[in-house]
N, C-alpha and C. Protein backbone atom coordinates (compact mmCIF):
# COMPACT_ATOMS: atom_id res chain seq x y z
N MET A 1 0.67 -1.18 -0.06
CA MET A 1 -0.25 -0.07 -0.13
C MET A 1 0.86 1.21 0.08
N HIS A 2 1.88 1.49 0.74
CA HIS A 2 2.83 2.51 0.72
C HIS A 2 3.40 2.50 -0.27
N LEU A 3 3.88 1.63 -1.09
CA LEU A 3 4.85 1.75 -2.52
C LEU A 3 3.73 2.11 -3.42
N TYR A 4 2.52 2.10 -3.23
CA TYR A 4 1.40 2.30 -4.34
C TYR A 4 1.34 3.98 -3.92
N SER A 5 1.11 4.14 -2.86
CA SER A 5 0.71 5.86 -2.75
C SER A 5 1.68 6.48 -2.89
N VAL A 6 3.09 6.25 -2.74
CA VAL A 6 4.16 6.97 -2.95
C VAL A 6 4.42 7.08 -4.35
N GLY A 7 4.29 5.87 -5.16
CA GLY A 7 4.50 6.05 -6.60
C GLY A 7 3.40 6.91 -7.06
N MET A 8 1.97 7.02 -6.75
CA MET A 8 0.99 7.84 -7.23
C MET A 8 1.54 9.21 -6.88
N TYR A 9 1.90 9.26 -5.89
CA TYR A 9 2.22 10.82 -5.22
C TYR A 9 3.58 11.33 -6.26
N TYR A 10 4.42 10.54 -6.62
CA TYR A 10 5.60 11.12 -7.34
C TYR A 10 5.11 11.13 -8.67
N ILE A 11 4.21 10.36 -9.47
CA ILE A 11 3.75 10.39 -10.65
C ILE A 11 3.11 11.57 -10.96
N VAL A 12 1.68 11.72 -9.70
CA VAL A 12 1.00 13.03 -10.21
C VAL A 12 1.81 14.64 -10.07
N CYS A 13 2.69 14.45 -9.18
CA CYS A 13 3.80 15.62 -9.00
C CYS A 13 4.31 15.70 -10.36
N PHE A 14 4.82 14.56 -10.87
CA PHE A 14 5.96 14.58 -12.27
C PHE A 14 4.98 15.02 -13.46
N VAL A 15 3.73 14.41 -13.61
CA VAL A 15 2.63 14.90 -14.51
C VAL A 15 2.33 16.25 -14.48
N SER A 16 2.07 17.17 -13.10
CA SER A 16 1.55 18.12 -12.87
C SER A 16 2.66 19.16 -13.20
N GLU A 17 3.80 18.87 -13.09
CA GLU A 17 5.08 19.82 -13.28
C GLU A 17 5.29 20.01 -14.43
N SER A 18 5.36 18.70 -15.45
CA SER A 18 5.69 18.44 -16.55
C SER A 18 4.93 18.81 -17.79
N ILE A 19 3.57 18.53 -17.57
CA ILE A 19 2.70 19.13 -18.46
C ILE A 19 1.79 20.54 -17.85
N HIS A 20 1.48 20.45 -16.97
CA HIS A 20 0.92 21.88 -16.30
C HIS A 20 1.85 23.02 -15.75
N GLY A 21 3.15 22.84 -15.70
CA GLY A 21 3.96 23.93 -15.16
C GLY A 21 3.74 24.05 -13.64
N VAL A 22 2.98 23.22 -12.84
CA VAL A 22 2.81 23.41 -11.70
C VAL A 22 3.60 22.67 -10.68
N GLY A 23 4.39 23.38 -9.96
CA GLY A 23 5.28 22.60 -9.10
C GLY A 23 5.04 22.43 -7.63
N TYR A 24 5.18 21.24 -6.95
CA TYR A 24 4.67 21.34 -5.54
C TYR A 24 5.68 21.47 -4.31
N SER A 25 7.02 21.67 -5.20
CA SER A 25 8.19 21.86 -4.17
C SER A 25 8.72 23.06 -4.42
N ARG A 26 9.33 23.52 -3.45
CA ARG A 26 10.07 25.00 -3.69
C ARG A 26 11.10 24.73 -4.44
N PRO A 27 11.68 25.62 -5.23
CA PRO A 27 12.63 25.55 -6.19
C PRO A 27 14.07 25.23 -6.02
N GLU A 28 14.23 25.49 -4.78
CA GLU A 28 15.53 25.34 -4.13
C GLU A 28 15.88 23.84 -4.00
N THR A 29 17.38 23.64 -4.21
CA THR A 29 17.76 22.12 -4.39
C THR A 29 17.46 21.32 -2.96
N LEU A 30 18.06 22.24 -1.84
CA LEU A 30 17.86 21.70 -0.86
C LEU A 30 16.56 20.90 -0.43
N TYR A 31 15.55 21.80 -0.65
CA TYR A 31 14.07 21.77 -0.32
C TYR A 31 13.98 20.49 -1.34
N TYR A 32 14.19 20.45 -2.35
CA TYR A 32 13.65 19.50 -3.31
C TYR A 32 14.22 17.88 -2.80
N TRP A 33 15.59 17.76 -2.46
CA TRP A 33 16.08 16.78 -2.04
C TRP A 33 15.84 16.17 -0.80
N VAL A 34 15.85 16.90 0.30
CA VAL A 34 15.53 16.72 1.58
C VAL A 34 13.91 16.40 1.65
N TYR A 35 13.11 17.61 1.45
CA TYR A 35 11.81 17.20 1.66
C TYR A 35 10.91 16.31 0.87
N TYR A 36 11.20 16.62 -0.63
CA TYR A 36 10.25 15.56 -1.77
C TYR A 36 11.14 14.61 -1.62
N ILE A 37 12.33 14.32 -1.50
CA ILE A 37 12.71 12.99 -1.75
C ILE A 37 13.21 12.27 -0.50
N GLY A 38 13.90 13.13 0.24
CA GLY A 38 14.33 12.45 1.72
C GLY A 38 13.19 11.97 2.53
N PHE A 39 12.47 12.88 2.69
CA PHE A 39 11.32 12.75 3.85
C PHE A 39 10.54 11.30 3.18
N ASN A 40 10.13 11.12 1.90
CA ASN A 40 9.43 10.04 1.40
C ASN A 40 10.39 8.71 1.08
N ALA A 41 11.75 8.83 1.23
CA ALA A 41 12.33 7.59 0.81
C ALA A 41 12.29 6.52 2.03
N PRO A 42 12.00 6.72 3.22
CA PRO A 42 11.44 5.61 3.95
C PRO A 42 10.24 4.70 3.75
N TRP A 43 9.33 5.61 3.22
CA TRP A 43 7.92 5.04 2.67
C TRP A 43 8.23 4.16 1.44
N VAL A 44 9.32 4.13 1.01
CA VAL A 44 9.93 3.40 -0.27
C VAL A 44 10.67 2.36 0.25
N ILE A 45 11.71 2.42 1.08
CA ILE A 45 12.68 1.95 1.50
C ILE A 45 12.22 0.51 2.29
N VAL A 46 11.47 1.04 3.59
CA VAL A 46 10.97 -0.05 4.52
C VAL A 46 10.09 -1.10 3.82
N PRO A 47 8.92 -0.76 3.19
CA PRO A 47 8.15 -1.65 2.47
C PRO A 47 9.02 -2.45 1.51
N SER A 48 9.66 -2.08 0.69
CA SER A 48 10.48 -2.71 -0.28
C SER A 48 11.45 -3.74 0.55
N GLY A 49 11.97 -3.07 1.59
CA GLY A 49 12.78 -4.15 2.35
C GLY A 49 11.93 -5.22 2.89
N GLU A 50 10.67 -5.37 3.62
CA GLU A 50 9.88 -6.06 3.82
C GLU A 50 9.30 -7.00 2.77
N PHE A 51 9.02 -6.64 1.51
CA PHE A 51 8.80 -7.45 0.66
C PHE A 51 9.79 -8.44 0.02
N ILE A 52 10.75 -7.78 0.09
CA ILE A 52 12.15 -8.82 -0.53
C ILE A 52 12.62 -9.62 0.75
N SER A 53 12.34 -9.22 2.12
CA SER A 53 12.54 -10.35 3.11
C SER A 53 11.36 -11.46 2.93
N PHE A 54 10.10 -11.17 2.71
CA PHE A 54 9.16 -11.98 2.29
C PHE A 54 9.34 -12.87 1.22
N LEU A 55 9.88 -12.40 0.19
CA LEU A 55 10.38 -13.24 -1.09
C LEU A 55 11.23 -14.27 -0.55
N PHE A 56 12.35 -13.67 -0.03
CA PHE A 56 13.29 -14.60 0.26
C PHE A 56 13.23 -15.74 1.38
N GLY A 57 12.34 -15.36 2.31
CA GLY A 57 11.56 -16.38 3.01
C GLY A 57 10.81 -17.44 2.42
N ALA A 58 10.03 -17.12 1.63
CA ALA A 58 8.97 -17.99 0.99
C ALA A 58 10.12 -18.98 -0.17
N TRP A 59 11.08 -18.07 -0.78
CA TRP A 59 12.19 -19.11 -1.29
C TRP A 59 13.20 -19.92 -0.51
N LEU A 60 13.16 -19.58 0.60
CA LEU A 60 13.88 -20.67 1.40
C LEU A 60 12.83 -21.95 2.11
N MET A 61 11.61 -21.44 2.46
CA MET A 61 10.63 -22.50 2.65
C MET A 61 10.20 -23.32 1.66
N LEU A 62 10.20 -22.77 0.35
CA LEU A 62 9.88 -23.78 -0.84
C LEU A 62 11.20 -24.77 -0.92
N THR A 63 12.19 -24.40 -0.94
CA THR A 63 13.30 -25.03 -1.29
C THR A 63 13.85 -26.03 -0.30
N TRP A 64 13.52 -25.60 0.97
CA TRP A 64 13.47 -26.41 2.21
C TRP A 64 12.73 -27.65 2.14
N ASN A 65 11.25 -27.07 1.88
CA ASN A 65 10.00 -28.12 1.51
C ASN A 65 10.49 -29.46 0.59
N SER A 66 11.02 -28.53 -0.58
CA SER A 66 11.03 -29.62 -1.93
C SER A 66 12.37 -30.70 -1.48
N ALA A 67 13.14 -30.21 -0.62
CA ALA A 67 14.48 -30.87 -0.27
C ALA A 67 14.10 -32.10 0.34
N SER A 68 13.11 -31.62 1.37
CA SER A 68 12.65 -32.81 2.44
C SER A 68 11.78 -34.09 1.84
N VAL A 69 11.29 -33.55 0.78
CA VAL A 69 9.99 -34.31 0.09
C VAL A 69 10.87 -35.92 -0.36
N SER A 70 10.59 -36.86 0.12
CA SER A 70 11.28 -38.16 0.04
C SER A 70 10.81 -38.89 -1.25
N LYS A 71 11.40 -39.29 -2.15
CA LYS A 71 11.23 -39.87 -3.29
C LYS A 71 10.81 -41.40 -3.35
N PRO A 72 10.24 -42.10 -4.20
CA PRO A 72 10.09 -43.21 -3.83
C PRO A 72 11.18 -44.23 -4.08
N ALA A 73 11.37 -45.42 -3.79
CA ALA A 73 12.49 -46.01 -3.96
C ALA A 73 12.72 -46.30 -5.42
N ASP A 74 11.72 -46.59 -6.13
CA ASP A 74 11.80 -47.12 -7.67
C ASP A 74 11.91 -45.71 -8.72
N TYR A 75 11.65 -44.59 -7.98
CA TYR A 75 12.00 -43.10 -8.62
C TYR A 75 13.29 -43.32 -9.42
N GLU A 76 13.02 -42.89 -11.12
CA GLU A 76 14.09 -42.95 -11.96
C GLU A 76 14.14 -41.51 -12.48
N GLY A 77 13.80 -40.42 -12.22
CA GLY A 77 13.79 -39.36 -12.46
C GLY A 77 12.45 -38.66 -13.37
N GLY A 78 12.39 -37.79 -14.18
CA GLY A 78 11.26 -37.21 -15.05
C GLY A 78 10.36 -37.16 -14.16
N PHE A 79 9.22 -36.85 -14.93
CA PHE A 79 7.93 -36.24 -14.27
C PHE A 79 7.39 -37.45 -13.85
């Protein structure tokens, strides 16, 4: 949810600035990088880290479960 909302925020601001010429940030570089990028970065970094952690954990569980499944004695491979 956070990734979606931050993405929409950046897209709306980008489109408004590029098409309509309306900027929602002060023109100074400090304000742009600190407030617009820096203060919104945790809303991208933390959920992304959680999602990557989830994917890694799921991958570990799937590989662990597939390695622990015993195969019949007459199994020759294939499907």
